[in-house]
Amino acid sequence: YYRKDIGKTFEVLVEGFSKRSKEQLF
């Protein structure tokens, strides 16, 4: 058994909508 998310999860402050789509945030 091993974790699949080592080094891949970060705490993020949501700042706005993505330029690509309103369904995405950055």
PDB file of all heavy atoms in Angstrom:
ATOM      1  N   TYR A   1       0.847  -1.188   0.000  1.00  0.00           N
ATOM      2  CA  TYR A   1       0.000   0.000   0.000  1.00  0.00           C
ATOM      3  C   TYR A   1       0.885   1.241   0.000  1.00  0.00           C
ATOM      4  O   TYR A   1       1.910   1.281   0.678  1.00  0.00           O
ATOM      5  CB  TYR A   1      -0.930   0.042   1.221  1.00  0.00           C
ATOM      6  CG  TYR A   1      -1.609   1.390   1.369  1.00  0.00           C
ATOM      7  CD1 TYR A   1      -2.686   1.734   0.566  1.00  0.00           C
ATOM      8  CD2 TYR A   1      -1.120   2.348   2.263  1.00  0.00           C
ATOM      9  CE1 TYR A   1      -3.271   2.978   0.653  1.00  0.00           C
ATOM     10  CE2 TYR A   1      -1.706   3.599   2.361  1.00  0.00           C
ATOM     11  CZ  TYR A   1      -2.789   3.916   1.550  1.00  0.00           C
ATOM     12  OH  TYR A   1      -3.343   5.156   1.615  1.00  0.00           O
ATOM     13  N   TYR A   2       0.479   2.265  -0.749  1.00  0.00           N
ATOM     14  CA  TYR A   2       1.189   3.543  -0.716  1.00  0.00           C
ATOM     15  C   TYR A   2       0.212   4.655  -1.077  1.00  0.00           C
ATOM     16  O   TYR A   2      -0.780   4.444  -1.764  1.00  0.00           O
ATOM     17  CB  TYR A   2       2.377   3.541  -1.686  1.00  0.00           C
ATOM     18  CG  TYR A   2       2.014   3.266  -3.134  1.00  0.00           C
ATOM     19  CD1 TYR A   2       1.723   4.289  -4.020  1.00  0.00           C
ATOM     20  CD2 TYR A   2       1.959   1.954  -3.612  1.00  0.00           C
ATOM     21  CE1 TYR A   2       1.387   4.038  -5.337  1.00  0.00           C
ATOM     22  CE2 TYR A   2       1.622   1.682  -4.934  1.00  0.00           C
ATOM     23  CZ  TYR A   2       1.339   2.730  -5.789  1.00  0.00           C
ATOM     24  OH  TYR A   2       1.001   2.474  -7.094  1.00  0.00           O
ATOM     25  N   ARG A   3       0.501   5.842  -0.571  1.00  0.00           N
ATOM     26  CA  ARG A   3      -0.332   6.992  -0.902  1.00  0.00           C
ATOM     27  C   ARG A   3      -0.074   7.439  -2.335  1.00  0.00           C
ATOM     28  O   ARG A   3       1.058   7.372  -2.824  1.00  0.00           O
ATOM     29  CB  ARG A   3      -0.059   8.155   0.070  1.00  0.00           C
ATOM     30  CG  ARG A   3      -0.753   7.971   1.402  1.00  0.00           C
ATOM     31  CD  ARG A   3      -0.550   9.141   2.343  1.00  0.00           C
ATOM     32  NE  ARG A   3      -0.920  10.428   1.754  1.00  0.00           N
ATOM     33  CZ  ARG A   3      -1.036  11.549   2.455  1.00  0.00           C
ATOM     34  NH1 ARG A   3      -0.821  11.544   3.767  1.00  0.00           N
ATOM     35  NH2 ARG A   3      -1.369  12.679   1.861  1.00  0.00           N
ATOM     36  N   LYS A   4      -1.130   7.925  -2.986  1.00  0.00           N
ATOM     37  CA  LYS A   4      -1.028   8.339  -4.388  1.00  0.00           C
ATOM     38  C   LYS A   4      -0.857   9.853  -4.541  1.00  0.00           C
ATOM     39  O   LYS A   4      -0.771  10.352  -5.664  1.00  0.00           O
ATOM     40  CB  LYS A   4      -2.292   7.919  -5.154  1.00  0.00           C
ATOM     41  CG  LYS A   4      -2.730   6.470  -4.948  1.00  0.00           C
ATOM     42  CD  LYS A   4      -1.727   5.468  -5.424  1.00  0.00           C
ATOM     43  CE  LYS A   4      -2.303   4.055  -5.450  1.00  0.00           C
ATOM     44  NZ  LYS A   4      -2.735   3.567  -4.122  1.00  0.00           N
ATOM     45  N   ASP A   5      -0.803  10.580  -3.403  1.00  0.00           N
ATOM     46  CA  ASP A   5      -0.810  12.039  -3.491  1.00  0.00           C
ATOM     47  C   ASP A   5       0.373  12.705  -2.809  1.00  0.00           C
ATOM     48  O   ASP A   5       0.308  13.877  -2.443  1.00  0.00           O
ATOM     49  CB  ASP A   5      -2.111  12.585  -2.893  1.00  0.00           C
ATOM     50  CG  ASP A   5      -2.238  12.289  -1.400  1.00  0.00           C
ATOM     51  OD1 ASP A   5      -1.488  11.434  -0.884  1.00  0.00           O
ATOM     52  OD2 ASP A   5      -3.081  12.931  -0.745  1.00  0.00           O
ATOM     53  N   ILE A   6       1.482  11.982  -2.642  1.00  0.00           N
ATOM     54  CA  ILE A   6       2.655  12.578  -2.000  1.00  0.00           C
ATOM     55  C   ILE A   6       3.141  13.782  -2.820  1.00  0.00           C
ATOM     56  O   ILE A   6       3.363  13.686  -4.024  1.00  0.00           O
ATOM     57  CB  ILE A   6       3.793  11.550  -1.867  1.00  0.00           C
ATOM     58  CG1 ILE A   6       3.345  10.356  -1.023  1.00  0.00           C
ATOM     59  CG2 ILE A   6       5.045  12.196  -1.283  1.00  0.00           C
ATOM     60  CD1 ILE A   6       2.909  10.709   0.374  1.00  0.00           C
ATOM     61  N   GLY A   7       3.273  14.925  -2.141  1.00  0.00           N
ATOM     62  CA  GLY A   7       3.782  16.122  -2.793  1.00  0.00           C
ATOM     63  C   GLY A   7       2.840  16.787  -3.768  1.00  0.00           C
ATOM     64  O   GLY A   7       3.225  17.722  -4.469  1.00  0.00           O
ATOM     65  N   LYS A   8       1.585  16.320  -3.812  1.00  0.00           N
ATOM     66  CA  LYS A   8       0.672  16.835  -4.826  1.00  0.00           C
ATOM     67  C   LYS A   8      -0.449  17.694  -4.269  1.00  0.00           C
ATOM     68  O   LYS A   8      -1.233  18.258  -5.030  1.00  0.00           O
ATOM     69  CB  LYS A   8       0.058  15.663  -5.607  1.00  0.00           C
ATOM     70  CG  LYS A   8       1.073  14.817  -6.363  1.00  0.00           C
ATOM     71  CD  LYS A   8       0.399  13.700  -7.124  1.00  0.00           C
ATOM     72  CE  LYS A   8       1.396  12.858  -7.883  1.00  0.00           C
ATOM     73  NZ  LYS A   8       0.754  11.764  -8.647  1.00  0.00           N
ATOM     74  N   THR A   9      -0.584  17.788  -2.948  1.00  0.00           N
ATOM     75  CA  THR A   9      -1.685  18.530  -2.340  1.00  0.00           C
ATOM     76  C   THR A   9      -1.167  19.789  -1.670  1.00  0.00           C
ATOM     77  O   THR A   9      -0.250  19.738  -0.852  1.00  0.00           O
ATOM     78  CB  THR A   9      -2.435  17.663  -1.315  1.00  0.00           C
ATOM     79  OG1 THR A   9      -2.903  16.481  -1.966  1.00  0.00           O
ATOM     80  CG2 THR A   9      -3.616  18.410  -0.733  1.00  0.00           C
ATOM     81  N   PHE A  10      -1.763  20.938  -2.022  1.00  0.00           N
ATOM     82  CA  PHE A  10      -1.319  22.217  -1.478  1.00  0.00           C
ATOM     83  C   PHE A  10      -2.506  23.045  -1.004  1.00  0.00           C
ATOM     84  O   PHE A  10      -3.622  22.919  -1.523  1.00  0.00           O
ATOM     85  CB  PHE A  10      -0.551  23.018  -2.542  1.00  0.00           C
ATOM     86  CG  PHE A  10       0.681  22.326  -3.047  1.00  0.00           C
ATOM     87  CD1 PHE A  10       0.648  21.573  -4.207  1.00  0.00           C
ATOM     88  CD2 PHE A  10       1.874  22.406  -2.346  1.00  0.00           C
ATOM     89  CE1 PHE A  10       1.770  20.926  -4.673  1.00  0.00           C
ATOM     90  CE2 PHE A  10       3.009  21.762  -2.801  1.00  0.00           C
ATOM     91  CZ  PHE A  10       2.958  21.023  -3.967  1.00  0.00           C
ATOM     92  N   GLU A  11      -2.241  23.872  -0.013  1.00  0.00           N
ATOM     93  CA  GLU A  11      -3.249  24.806   0.461  1.00  0.00           C
ATOM     94  C   GLU A  11      -3.255  26.019  -0.466  1.00  0.00           C
ATOM     95  O   GLU A  11      -2.206  26.624  -0.719  1.00  0.00           O
ATOM     96  CB  GLU A  11      -2.924  25.231   1.894  1.00  0.00           C
ATOM     97  CG  GLU A  11      -4.083  25.870   2.628  1.00  0.00           C
ATOM     98  CD  GLU A  11      -3.776  26.097   4.092  1.00  0.00           C
ATOM     99  OE1 GLU A  11      -2.733  26.703   4.398  1.00  0.00           O
ATOM    100  OE2 GLU A  11      -4.583  25.667   4.926  1.00  0.00           O
ATOM    101  N   VAL A  12      -4.430  26.359  -0.983  1.00  0.00           N
ATOM    102  CA  VAL A  12      -4.538  27.406  -2.007  1.00  0.00           C
ATOM    103  C   VAL A  12      -5.578  28.438  -1.590  1.00  0.00           C
ATOM    104  O   VAL A  12      -6.674  28.093  -1.146  1.00  0.00           O
ATOM    105  CB  VAL A  12      -4.941  26.783  -3.371  1.00  0.00           C
ATOM    106  CG1 VAL A  12      -5.211  27.871  -4.400  1.00  0.00           C
ATOM    107  CG2 VAL A  12      -3.860  25.822  -3.855  1.00  0.00           C
ATOM    108  N   LEU A  13      -5.227  29.713  -1.735  1.00  0.00           N
ATOM    109  CA  LEU A  13      -6.165  30.815  -1.507  1.00  0.00           C
ATOM    110  C   LEU A  13      -6.831  31.154  -2.837  1.00  0.00           C
ATOM    111  O   LEU A  13      -6.164  31.540  -3.799  1.00  0.00           O
ATOM    112  CB  LEU A  13      -5.438  32.043  -0.959  1.00  0.00           C
ATOM    113  CG  LEU A  13      -6.306  33.296  -0.747  1.00  0.00           C
ATOM    114  CD1 LEU A  13      -7.375  33.033   0.310  1.00  0.00           C
ATOM    115  CD2 LEU A  13      -5.445  34.489  -0.361  1.00  0.00           C
ATOM    116  N   VAL A  14      -8.154  30.988  -2.900  1.00  0.00           N
ATOM    117  CA  VAL A  14      -8.895  31.238  -4.137  1.00  0.00           C
ATOM    118  C   VAL A  14      -8.953  32.739  -4.406  1.00  0.00           C
ATOM    119  O   VAL A  14      -9.412  33.516  -3.570  1.00  0.00           O
ATOM    120  CB  VAL A  14     -10.324  30.670  -4.054  1.00  0.00           C
ATOM    121  CG1 VAL A  14     -11.069  30.912  -5.362  1.00  0.00           C
ATOM    122  CG2 VAL A  14     -10.283  29.182  -3.730  1.00  0.00           C
ATOM    123  N   GLU A  15      -8.498  33.143  -5.612  1.00  0.00           N
ATOM    124  CA  GLU A  15      -8.423  34.570  -5.937  1.00  0.00           C
ATOM    125  C   GLU A  15      -9.427  35.016  -6.998  1.00  0.00           C
ATOM    126  O   GLU A  15      -9.808  36.189  -7.041  1.00  0.00           O
ATOM    127  CB  GLU A  15      -7.009  34.926  -6.399  1.00  0.00           C
ATOM    128  CG  GLU A  15      -5.957  34.774  -5.313  1.00  0.00           C
ATOM    129  CD  GLU A  15      -4.606  35.299  -5.756  1.00  0.00           C
ATOM    130  OE1 GLU A  15      -4.470  35.694  -6.942  1.00  0.00           O
ATOM    131  OE2 GLU A  15      -3.677  35.317  -4.930  1.00  0.00           O
ATOM    132  N   GLY A  16      -9.845  34.115  -7.880  1.00  0.00           N
ATOM    133  CA  GLY A  16     -10.778  34.548  -8.924  1.00  0.00           C
ATOM    134  C   GLY A  16     -11.077  33.443  -9.909  1.00  0.00           C
ATOM    135  O   GLY A  16     -10.713  32.277  -9.722  1.00  0.00           O
ATOM    136  N   PHE A  17     -11.782  33.836 -10.987  1.00  0.00           N
ATOM    137  CA  PHE A  17     -12.150  32.878 -12.026  1.00  0.00           C
ATOM    138  C   PHE A  17     -11.019  32.727 -13.037  1.00  0.00           C
ATOM    139  O   PHE A  17     -10.289  33.683 -13.326  1.00  0.00           O
ATOM    140  CB  PHE A  17     -13.417  33.332 -12.750  1.00  0.00           C
ATOM    141  CG  PHE A  17     -14.653  33.268 -11.894  1.00  0.00           C
ATOM    142  CD1 PHE A  17     -15.156  34.421 -11.303  1.00  0.00           C
ATOM    143  CD2 PHE A  17     -15.288  32.061 -11.665  1.00  0.00           C
ATOM    144  CE1 PHE A  17     -16.288  34.371 -10.513  1.00  0.00           C
ATOM    145  CE2 PHE A  17     -16.428  31.996 -10.875  1.00  0.00           C
ATOM    146  CZ  PHE A  17     -16.920  33.153 -10.288  1.00  0.00           C
ATOM    147  N   SER A  18     -10.901  31.513 -13.576  1.00  0.00           N
ATOM    148  CA  SER A  18      -9.906  31.258 -14.603  1.00  0.00           C
ATOM    149  C   SER A  18     -10.287  32.002 -15.887  1.00  0.00           C
ATOM    150  O   SER A  18     -11.472  32.215 -16.171  1.00  0.00           O
ATOM    151  CB  SER A  18      -9.818  29.756 -14.881  1.00  0.00           C
ATOM    152  OG  SER A  18      -9.100  29.500 -16.066  1.00  0.00           O
ATOM    153  N   LYS A  19      -9.283  32.382 -16.668  1.00  0.00           N
ATOM    154  CA  LYS A  19      -9.534  33.048 -17.948  1.00  0.00           C
ATOM    155  C   LYS A  19     -10.192  32.085 -18.936  1.00  0.00           C
ATOM    156  O   LYS A  19     -10.863  32.513 -19.867  1.00  0.00           O
ATOM    157  CB  LYS A  19      -8.222  33.580 -18.527  1.00  0.00           C
ATOM    158  CG  LYS A  19      -7.583  34.689 -17.700  1.00  0.00           C
ATOM    159  CD  LYS A  19      -6.283  35.149 -18.330  1.00  0.00           C
ATOM    160  CE  LYS A  19      -5.634  36.256 -17.514  1.00  0.00           C
ATOM    161  NZ  LYS A  19      -4.330  36.682 -18.094  1.00  0.00           N
ATOM    162  N   ARG A  20      -9.996  30.787 -18.711  1.00  0.00           N
ATOM    163  CA  ARG A  20     -10.527  29.797 -19.646  1.00  0.00           C
ATOM    164  C   ARG A  20     -12.023  29.597 -19.481  1.00  0.00           C
ATOM    165  O   ARG A  20     -12.750  29.440 -20.455  1.00  0.00           O
ATOM    166  CB  ARG A  20      -9.816  28.450 -19.447  1.00  0.00           C
ATOM    167  CG  ARG A  20      -8.333  28.484 -19.728  1.00  0.00           C
ATOM    168  CD  ARG A  20      -7.748  27.090 -19.483  1.00  0.00           C
ATOM    169  NE  ARG A  20      -6.320  27.047 -19.755  1.00  0.00           N
ATOM    170  CZ  ARG A  20      -5.580  25.951 -19.619  1.00  0.00           C
ATOM    171  NH1 ARG A  20      -6.146  24.827 -19.224  1.00  0.00           N
ATOM    172  NH2 ARG A  20      -4.289  25.995 -19.882  1.00  0.00           N
ATOM    173  N   SER A  21     -12.484  29.561 -18.231  1.00  0.00           N
ATOM    174  CA  SER A  21     -13.880  29.206 -17.993  1.00  0.00           C
ATOM    175  C   SER A  21     -14.343  29.697 -16.632  1.00  0.00           C
ATOM    176  O   SER A  21     -13.575  29.702 -15.666  1.00  0.00           O
ATOM    177  CB  SER A  21     -14.061  27.688 -18.087  1.00  0.00           C
ATOM    178  OG  SER A  21     -15.332  27.290 -17.613  1.00  0.00           O
ATOM    179  N   LYS A  22     -15.618  30.098 -16.549  1.00  0.00           N
ATOM    180  CA  LYS A  22     -16.216  30.492 -15.279  1.00  0.00           C
ATOM    181  C   LYS A  22     -16.439  29.288 -14.364  1.00  0.00           C
ATOM    182  O   LYS A  22     -16.766  29.440 -13.191  1.00  0.00           O
ATOM    183  CB  LYS A  22     -17.555  31.198 -15.530  1.00  0.00           C
ATOM    184  CG  LYS A  22     -17.419  32.589 -16.140  1.00  0.00           C
ATOM    185  CD  LYS A  22     -16.782  33.558 -15.161  1.00  0.00           C
ATOM    186  CE  LYS A  22     -16.756  34.974 -15.744  1.00  0.00           C
ATOM    187  NZ  LYS A  22     -16.128  35.934 -14.805  1.00  0.00           N
ATOM    188  N   GLU A  23     -16.281  28.084 -14.933  1.00  0.00           N
ATOM    189  CA  GLU A  23     -16.426  26.874 -14.130  1.00  0.00           C
ATOM    190  C   GLU A  23     -15.121  26.485 -13.449  1.00  0.00           C
ATOM    191  O   GLU A  23     -15.060  25.494 -12.724  1.00  0.00           O
ATOM    192  CB  GLU A  23     -16.915  25.711 -15.009  1.00  0.00           C
ATOM    193  CG  GLU A  23     -18.307  25.918 -15.566  1.00  0.00           C
ATOM    194  CD  GLU A  23     -19.337  26.165 -14.473  1.00  0.00           C
ATOM    195  OE1 GLU A  23     -19.331  25.406 -13.483  1.00  0.00           O
ATOM    196  OE2 GLU A  23     -20.124  27.124 -14.602  1.00  0.00           O
ATOM    197  N   GLN A  24     -14.080  27.280 -13.699  1.00  0.00           N
ATOM    198  CA  GLN A  24     -12.794  27.031 -13.055  1.00  0.00           C
ATOM    199  C   GLN A  24     -12.359  28.249 -12.249  1.00  0.00           C
ATOM    200  O   GLN A  24     -12.662  29.392 -12.615  1.00  0.00           O
ATOM    201  CB  GLN A  24     -11.712  26.708 -14.094  1.00  0.00           C
ATOM    202  CG  GLN A  24     -11.876  25.339 -14.754  1.00  0.00           C
ATOM    203  CD  GLN A  24     -10.719  25.038 -15.667  1.00  0.00           C
ATOM    204  OE1 GLN A  24     -10.254  25.892 -16.424  1.00  0.00           O
ATOM    205  NE2 GLN A  24     -10.227  23.797 -15.610  1.00  0.00           N
ATOM    206  N   LEU A  25     -11.668  27.997 -11.174  1.00  0.00           N
ATOM    207  CA  LEU A  25     -11.116  29.056 -10.339  1.00  0.00           C
ATOM    208  C   LEU A  25      -9.594  28.982 -10.372  1.00  0.00           C
ATOM    209  O   LEU A  25      -9.012  27.966 -10.767  1.00  0.00           O
ATOM    210  CB  LEU A  25     -11.588  28.907  -8.887  1.00  0.00           C
ATOM    211  CG  LEU A  25     -13.084  29.048  -8.629  1.00  0.00           C
ATOM    212  CD1 LEU A  25     -13.417  28.647  -7.201  1.00  0.00           C
ATOM    213  CD2 LEU A  25     -13.552  30.481  -8.899  1.00  0.00           C
ATOM    214  N   PHE A  26      -8.962  30.070  -9.958  1.00  0.00           N
ATOM    215  CA  PHE A  26      -7.515  30.025  -9.776  1.00  0.00           C
ATOM    216  C   PHE A  26      -7.175  30.607  -8.414  1.00  0.00           C
ATOM    217  O   PHE A  26      -7.924  31.396  -7.835  1.00  0.00           O
ATOM    218  CB  PHE A  26      -6.787  30.788 -10.892  1.00  0.00           C
ATOM    219  CG  PHE A  26      -6.750  32.283 -10.704  1.00  0.00           C
ATOM    220  CD1 PHE A  26      -5.701  32.885 -10.015  1.00  0.00           C
ATOM    221  CD2 PHE A  26      -7.766  33.086 -11.205  1.00  0.00           C
ATOM    222  CE1 PHE A  26      -5.661  34.255  -9.829  1.00  0.00           C
ATOM    223  CE2 PHE A  26      -7.748  34.457 -11.028  1.00  0.00           C
ATOM    224  CZ  PHE A  26      -6.692  35.052 -10.339  1.00  0.00           C
TER     225      PHE A  26
END
